[in-house]
Amino acid sequence: MANTQADEIEIGVDDGHGLAPLTPGKRTPFIQSIGRFIPENEFNRAVAAYLVKELKRCGFKVVETAPGDQDHSLESRVKRANDAKVDLFISIHFNAVDGKFDGPGKDPEGFSAHIDPSGGQSEVFAKIALKHLAKGTVQKNRGVVKQQLYVTANTKMPAVLFELGFMDNNREALLMVDKSFQKECAQEIAMAVCEYYGVTYKPEKETPQVVKPSGKQTKKGEAVMLRDVQAYARPEFGTQIPTIIKKGEKRNVYDAENGWYRLYGGEYIPSNYGKNFIYTPVKKDEPPEDTSQPPEEHKVNLRRVVVDGKRIGSFGDEENLERNVLQALRSNFKKIEVEDV
């Protein structure tokens, strides 16, 4: 869209469901590691609250379509957005399929953007948002889903319902209570809103500083970018730095853990399930690259002594030079010269 003043735009922010009733479909299965269920709205309301702050900081006006913790009806959410004549409607959700954990590789995973089958500007914004979410969230990108949902079908403005993970995937379910992940989702969606309206995104604080490891680093492998990849100051969401590594570029990797790969300068890049880059580890028979700096070569400055046109020697230290000059002074001479070699 053409550049617009942010204060001329009003965004409807909707956090899906309420905290009660805690019925299947609105909560995770019981998670043994934390000893409880996680209500979907615990995540939805947190992301919505962060998103409201993000949008307001960037200058947008915001209408919350489901204030408080109660379970607002779909009709009331849509009515609030339509009555306010918001310019864009965003609904935050977390997906579910069968309500149970089947195990790694068996559970559904990833985020998606759901819009009315008519597409239009809803689809334009959805694709921009998915692009940002794919850069910052190490999850599967399930893309744009066109389906008949009440809130996207009955709102009178572009509308997107985001499913930001799966409650019946144990790994993604735990992300629901990860504040850095909650903030990351809000930041990426806010960035998408800014791009959609041609508004400059204003970060919450100064750019995080990268800390370069001290001492020797051992190369673990190489990463070749499959697309433009965002770099981070730390291996966590919400620590983006201005560095974007372009598609096709190669970087040496010095550490890798939980999908994050550390580069020589201390910055990190997320693998995004192998979609961001191709990683090739160092072969076992290949000596690792030693990044320690070689000792600085000491350059010796030689000077020679010439007595009456005859060279008597070249010396690299003051003591030898001085001794030979003194010897020449005790002899019959016409001229003593000391020259740099």
Protein backbone atom coordinates (compact mmCIF):
# COMPACT_ATOMS: atom_id res chain seq x y z
CA MET A 1 0.00 0.00 0.00
CA ALA A 2 1.05 3.61 -0.47
CA ASN A 3 2.86 5.25 2.44
CA THR A 4 0.36 6.42 5.05
CA GLN A 5 0.65 8.27 8.34
CA ALA A 6 0.38 5.72 11.14
CA ASP A 7 -1.94 7.92 13.20
CA GLU A 8 -4.46 7.76 10.36
CA ILE A 9 -4.70 3.98 10.68
CA GLU A 10 -6.66 2.00 13.27
CA ILE A 11 -5.91 -1.67 13.89
CA GLY A 12 -8.31 -4.14 15.48
CA VAL A 13 -6.46 -6.60 17.76
CA ASP A 14 -8.31 -9.72 18.85
CA ASP A 15 -6.99 -12.33 21.32
CA GLY A 16 -8.78 -15.54 20.54
CA HIS A 17 -11.06 -17.16 23.17
CA GLY A 18 -11.13 -16.39 26.88
CA LEU A 19 -9.50 -18.04 29.87
CA ALA A 20 -12.66 -19.97 30.70
CA PRO A 21 -14.10 -22.49 30.21
CA LEU A 22 -10.89 -24.55 30.02
CA THR A 23 -12.24 -27.11 27.56
CA PRO A 24 -10.32 -29.26 25.04
CA GLY A 25 -9.56 -27.18 21.98
CA LYS A 26 -8.88 -24.17 24.19
CA ARG A 27 -5.95 -25.65 26.12
CA THR A 28 -2.93 -27.90 25.73
CA PRO A 29 -2.90 -31.51 26.88
CA PHE A 30 -1.49 -31.90 30.39
CA ILE A 31 2.24 -31.09 30.23
CA GLN A 32 4.23 -33.24 32.64
CA SER A 33 7.34 -31.04 32.63
CA ILE A 34 5.44 -28.04 34.06
CA GLY A 35 2.66 -29.94 35.80
CA ARG A 36 -0.34 -28.22 34.21
CA PHE A 37 -2.39 -27.36 31.16
CA ILE A 38 -1.79 -24.08 29.28
CA PRO A 39 -4.99 -22.28 28.26
CA GLU A 40 -4.80 -21.00 24.68
CA ASN A 41 -5.82 -17.52 25.82
CA GLU A 42 -2.87 -17.36 28.22
CA PHE A 43 -0.74 -17.12 25.09
CA ASN A 44 -3.22 -15.20 22.92
CA ARG A 45 -3.80 -12.37 25.40
CA ALA A 46 -0.05 -12.01 26.09
CA VAL A 47 0.80 -11.69 22.39
CA ALA A 48 -2.15 -9.34 21.83
CA ALA A 49 -0.99 -7.13 24.71
CA TYR A 50 2.55 -6.99 23.31
CA LEU A 51 1.14 -6.29 19.83
CA VAL A 52 -0.96 -3.39 21.12
CA LYS A 53 2.17 -1.83 22.64
CA GLU A 54 4.16 -2.41 19.47
CA LEU A 55 1.52 -0.82 17.24
CA LYS A 56 0.98 2.18 19.51
CA ARG A 57 4.72 2.80 19.71
CA CYS A 58 4.81 2.84 15.91
CA GLY A 59 2.02 5.45 15.91
CA PHE A 60 -1.07 3.36 15.06
CA LYS A 61 -4.40 3.62 16.81
CA VAL A 62 -5.68 0.35 18.25
CA VAL A 63 -9.07 -1.12 19.10
CA GLU A 64 -9.09 -4.23 21.30
CA THR A 65 -12.03 -6.36 20.21
CA ALA A 66 -11.97 -8.77 23.18
CA PRO A 67 -10.88 -6.82 26.27
CA GLY A 68 -10.48 -8.63 29.57
CA ASP A 69 -10.23 -12.37 30.20
CA GLN A 70 -13.83 -13.39 29.56
CA ASP A 71 -14.78 -15.40 26.49
CA HIS A 72 -16.30 -12.84 24.08
CA SER A 73 -18.61 -14.16 21.39
CA LEU A 74 -17.50 -14.14 17.75
CA GLU A 75 -20.38 -11.80 16.96
CA SER A 76 -19.28 -9.25 19.57
CA ARG A 77 -15.70 -9.30 18.31
CA VAL A 78 -16.77 -8.67 14.74
CA LYS A 79 -19.28 -6.00 15.77
CA ARG A 80 -16.68 -4.11 17.78
CA ALA A 81 -14.28 -4.07 14.80
CA ASN A 82 -16.97 -3.09 12.29
CA ASP A 83 -18.47 -0.39 14.54
CA ALA A 84 -15.02 1.16 15.03
CA LYS A 85 -14.39 0.92 11.27
CA VAL A 86 -10.86 -0.33 11.87
CA ASP A 87 -8.61 -0.54 8.83
CA LEU A 88 -7.16 -3.98 9.57
CA PHE A 89 -8.29 -6.83 11.82
CA ILE A 90 -5.77 -9.21 13.44
CA SER A 91 -6.79 -12.21 15.53
CA ILE A 92 -4.24 -14.15 17.60
CA HIS A 93 -4.65 -17.90 18.12
CA PHE A 94 -2.75 -21.16 18.79
CA ASN A 95 -3.82 -24.20 16.79
CA ALA A 96 -4.82 -27.75 17.77
CA VAL A 97 -5.74 -30.97 15.97
CA ASP A 98 -6.43 -33.97 18.21
CA GLY A 99 -5.68 -32.62 21.69
CA LYS A 100 -2.91 -35.08 22.55
CA PHE A 101 0.84 -35.39 22.26
CA ASP A 102 1.86 -38.14 19.84
CA GLY A 103 5.59 -37.47 19.97
CA PRO A 104 8.30 -35.78 17.88
CA GLY A 105 7.72 -36.13 14.15
CA LYS A 106 4.11 -37.18 14.68
CA ASP A 107 2.51 -34.01 16.03
CA PRO A 108 1.43 -31.13 13.76
CA GLU A 109 3.66 -28.06 13.88
CA GLY A 110 4.08 -24.54 12.59
CA PHE A 111 2.31 -21.24 12.11
CA SER A 112 -0.22 -20.14 9.48
CA ALA A 113 -2.31 -17.16 8.39
CA HIS A 114 -6.03 -17.80 7.87
CA ILE A 115 -8.08 -15.55 5.60
CA ASP A 116 -11.43 -15.50 3.83
CA PRO A 117 -11.40 -17.39 0.51
CA SER A 118 -11.97 -14.10 -1.31
CA GLY A 119 -8.32 -13.19 -0.64
CA GLY A 120 -7.76 -9.57 -1.65
CA GLN A 121 -5.87 -7.26 0.73
CA SER A 122 -6.22 -9.85 3.51
CA GLU A 123 -4.00 -12.15 1.47
CA VAL A 124 -1.53 -9.36 0.73
CA PHE A 125 -1.08 -8.62 4.43
CA ALA A 126 -1.03 -12.32 5.36
CA LYS A 127 1.89 -13.00 3.02
CA ILE A 128 3.86 -10.05 4.38
CA ALA A 129 3.27 -11.27 7.94
CA LEU A 130 4.30 -14.85 7.14
CA LYS A 131 7.52 -13.52 5.63
CA HIS A 132 8.38 -11.78 8.89
CA LEU A 133 7.31 -14.70 11.08
CA ALA A 134 9.42 -17.06 8.98
CA LYS A 135 12.51 -14.93 9.55
CA GLY A 136 12.15 -14.69 13.28
CA THR A 137 10.40 -17.83 14.47
CA VAL A 138 12.10 -21.21 14.15
CA GLN A 139 8.99 -23.12 13.12
CA LYS A 140 7.40 -24.63 10.04
CA ASN A 141 5.69 -22.05 7.83
CA ARG A 142 2.32 -23.56 6.87
CA GLY A 143 1.47 -20.59 4.65
CA VAL A 144 -1.82 -18.87 3.86
CA VAL A 145 -4.96 -20.92 4.57
CA LYS A 146 -8.20 -19.85 2.88
CA GLN A 147 -11.23 -21.00 4.84
CA GLN A 148 -14.61 -19.75 6.01
CA LEU A 149 -14.07 -18.44 9.53
CA TYR A 150 -16.62 -16.19 11.20
CA VAL A 151 -14.26 -13.37 12.16
CA THR A 152 -12.56 -13.16 8.77
CA ALA A 153 -15.76 -13.62 6.76
CA ASN A 154 -17.87 -11.02 8.58
CA THR A 155 -15.43 -8.20 9.22
CA LYS A 156 -15.65 -5.35 6.71
CA MET A 157 -11.92 -4.79 6.39
CA PRO A 158 -8.85 -6.92 5.57
CA ALA A 159 -8.72 -9.57 8.28
CA VAL A 160 -6.20 -12.28 9.19
CA LEU A 161 -6.40 -14.91 11.91
CA PHE A 162 -2.96 -16.16 12.92
CA GLU A 163 -2.38 -19.64 14.31
CA LEU A 164 1.11 -19.29 15.80
CA GLY A 165 1.78 -22.92 16.69
CA PHE A 166 0.11 -26.12 17.86
CA MET A 167 -1.05 -26.77 21.41
CA ASP A 168 -0.85 -30.53 20.82
CA ASN A 169 2.83 -30.36 19.91
CA ASN A 170 4.82 -30.55 23.16
CA ARG A 171 7.71 -28.41 21.95
CA GLU A 172 5.45 -25.67 20.57
CA ALA A 173 3.11 -25.86 23.54
CA LEU A 174 5.98 -24.87 25.83
CA LEU A 175 6.64 -21.86 23.59
CA MET A 176 3.24 -20.55 24.65
CA VAL A 177 4.60 -19.52 28.05
CA ASP A 178 7.96 -18.31 26.71
CA LYS A 179 7.83 -14.52 27.01
CA SER A 180 10.57 -14.04 24.42
CA PHE A 181 8.52 -16.08 21.93
CA GLN A 182 5.37 -14.13 22.78
CA LYS A 183 7.20 -10.85 22.16
CA GLU A 184 8.77 -12.17 18.98
CA CYS A 185 5.38 -13.04 17.50
CA ALA A 186 4.05 -9.58 18.36
CA GLN A 187 7.13 -7.86 16.95
CA GLU A 188 7.03 -9.73 13.64
CA ILE A 189 3.32 -9.04 13.15
CA ALA A 190 3.88 -5.36 14.02
CA MET A 191 6.70 -5.22 11.47
CA ALA A 192 4.31 -6.66 8.90
CA VAL A 193 1.70 -3.99 9.69
CA CYS A 194 4.35 -1.31 9.25
CA GLU A 195 5.48 -2.76 5.93
CA TYR A 196 1.88 -3.13 4.71
CA TYR A 197 1.18 0.56 5.36
CA GLY A 198 4.64 1.87 4.43
CA VAL A 199 5.40 3.00 7.99
CA THR A 200 8.84 2.81 9.62
CA TYR A 201 8.97 0.22 12.38
CA LYS A 202 10.16 1.63 15.70
CA PRO A 203 11.87 -0.97 17.91
CA GLU A 204 11.22 -1.03 21.63
CA LYS A 205 14.83 -0.33 22.56
CA GLU A 206 18.28 0.06 21.12
CA THR A 207 19.63 -2.69 18.91
CA PRO A 208 20.99 -5.56 21.07
CA GLN A 209 24.77 -5.69 21.10
CA VAL A 210 26.61 -8.73 19.78
CA VAL A 211 29.26 -10.14 22.12
CA LYS A 212 32.16 -11.64 20.19
CA PRO A 213 33.70 -14.68 21.90
CA SER A 214 37.21 -14.10 23.20
CA GLY A 215 40.15 -16.33 22.45
CA LYS A 216 40.45 -19.15 19.98
CA GLN A 217 37.38 -20.34 18.05
CA THR A 218 37.17 -23.69 16.29
CA LYS A 219 35.22 -23.90 13.07
CA LYS A 220 32.43 -26.50 13.24
CA GLY A 221 31.08 -26.17 9.69
CA GLU A 222 29.80 -23.90 6.93
CA ALA A 223 26.35 -22.48 6.18
CA VAL A 224 25.24 -21.41 2.70
CA MET A 225 22.17 -19.18 2.74
CA LEU A 226 19.08 -20.43 0.88
CA ARG A 227 17.43 -17.01 1.30
CA ASP A 228 18.08 -13.70 3.06
CA VAL A 229 18.59 -14.58 6.74
CA GLN A 230 18.15 -12.29 9.74
CA ALA A 231 20.99 -12.32 12.28
CA TYR A 232 20.51 -12.12 16.07
CA ALA A 233 22.64 -10.87 18.95
CA ARG A 234 21.75 -13.90 21.06
CA PRO A 235 20.18 -17.32 20.41
CA GLU A 236 16.71 -16.11 21.32
CA PHE A 237 13.80 -14.33 19.71
CA GLY A 238 13.58 -10.56 19.90
CA THR A 239 17.32 -9.84 19.61
CA GLN A 240 17.50 -8.93 15.91
CA ILE A 241 20.44 -6.86 14.73
CA PRO A 242 20.67 -4.88 11.47
CA THR A 243 22.68 -7.66 9.78
CA ILE A 244 20.92 -9.56 6.99
CA ILE A 245 22.97 -12.32 5.33
CA LYS A 246 22.03 -12.47 1.67
CA LYS A 247 20.91 -15.53 -0.26
CA GLY A 248 23.88 -17.45 -1.64
CA GLU A 249 26.39 -16.08 0.86
CA LYS A 250 28.52 -18.49 2.89
CA ARG A 251 29.41 -18.17 6.58
CA ASN A 252 31.65 -20.26 8.85
CA VAL A 253 29.86 -21.68 11.90
CA TYR A 254 31.56 -22.05 15.29
CA ASP A 255 28.77 -23.42 17.44
CA ALA A 256 25.29 -24.91 16.98
CA GLU A 257 22.56 -25.67 19.50
CA ASN A 258 18.76 -25.92 19.42
CA GLY A 259 18.51 -24.63 15.85
CA TRP A 260 20.78 -21.61 16.40
CA TYR A 261 24.18 -21.33 14.70
CA ARG A 262 26.89 -18.98 15.95
CA LEU A 263 29.09 -17.14 13.48
CA TYR A 264 32.63 -15.84 13.99
CA GLY A 265 31.53 -12.36 15.07
CA GLY A 266 29.31 -13.77 17.83
CA GLU A 267 26.02 -13.24 15.99
CA TYR A 268 23.52 -16.09 15.59
CA ILE A 269 21.33 -17.30 12.72
CA PRO A 270 18.32 -19.65 13.04
CA SER A 271 18.17 -22.71 10.81
CA ASN A 272 14.35 -22.67 10.56
CA TYR A 273 14.30 -26.44 10.05
CA GLY A 274 16.96 -26.22 7.36
CA LYS A 275 15.03 -23.70 5.29
CA ASN A 276 17.31 -20.74 5.97
CA PHE A 277 20.59 -22.34 4.95
CA ILE A 278 22.42 -25.56 4.11
CA TYR A 279 24.81 -26.53 6.89
CA THR A 280 27.85 -28.71 6.20
CA PRO A 281 29.90 -29.79 9.23
CA VAL A 282 33.69 -29.98 9.10
CA LYS A 283 34.86 -33.44 8.00
CA LYS A 284 36.54 -35.49 10.71
CA ASP A 285 39.78 -35.76 8.72
CA GLU A 286 39.79 -32.02 7.98
CA PRO A 287 41.78 -30.00 10.52
CA PRO A 288 39.56 -27.34 12.13
CA GLU A 289 40.23 -23.77 11.26
CA ASP A 290 42.29 -22.03 13.92
CA THR A 291 41.09 -18.46 14.33
CA SER A 292 43.65 -17.53 16.94
CA GLN A 293 45.89 -14.72 15.76
CA PRO A 294 49.54 -15.67 14.99
CA PRO A 295 52.13 -13.88 17.12
CA GLU A 296 53.13 -10.59 15.62
CA GLU A 297 56.37 -10.96 13.69
CA HIS A 298 59.13 -8.95 15.30
CA LYS A 299 60.92 -6.94 12.67
CA VAL A 300 64.62 -6.32 13.38
CA ASN A 301 66.01 -3.01 12.18
CA LEU A 302 69.62 -3.58 11.08
CA ARG A 303 72.22 -0.81 10.92
CA ARG A 304 75.70 -1.11 9.53
CA VAL A 305 78.91 0.65 10.51
CA VAL A 306 81.16 1.94 7.72
CA VAL A 307 84.65 3.29 8.58
CA ASP A 308 86.46 5.22 5.84
CA GLY A 309 84.27 3.57 3.21
CA LYS A 310 84.79 0.02 4.56
CA ARG A 311 81.85 -1.87 6.11
CA ILE A 312 82.84 -3.51 9.37
CA GLY A 313 79.49 -5.11 10.14
CA SER A 314 75.68 -4.89 10.44
CA PHE A 315 74.04 -4.94 13.86
CA GLY A 316 70.46 -5.38 15.09
CA ASP A 317 70.92 -4.29 18.68
CA GLU A 318 72.24 -1.12 20.23
CA GLU A 319 74.88 -2.83 22.38
CA ASN A 320 76.79 -4.40 19.47
CA LEU A 321 76.40 -1.26 17.40
CA GLU A 322 77.79 0.92 20.18
CA ARG A 323 80.75 -1.43 20.87
CA ASN A 324 81.86 -1.44 17.23
CA VAL A 325 81.53 2.32 16.89
CA LEU A 326 83.69 2.79 20.02
CA GLN A 327 86.34 0.47 18.59
CA ALA A 328 86.42 2.53 15.39
CA LEU A 329 86.77 5.73 17.39
CA ARG A 330 89.97 4.41 19.02
CA SER A 331 91.62 3.84 15.64
CA ASN A 332 92.95 6.30 13.11
CA PHE A 333 89.97 7.15 10.94
CA LYS A 334 88.77 9.91 8.71
CA LYS A 335 85.04 9.13 8.60
CA ILE A 336 82.58 6.87 10.49
CA GLU A 337 79.10 6.28 9.05
CA VAL A 338 76.10 4.41 10.57
CA GLU A 339 73.52 3.46 7.92
CA ASP A 340 70.09 1.73 8.06
CA VAL A 341 70.10 -1.55 6.12
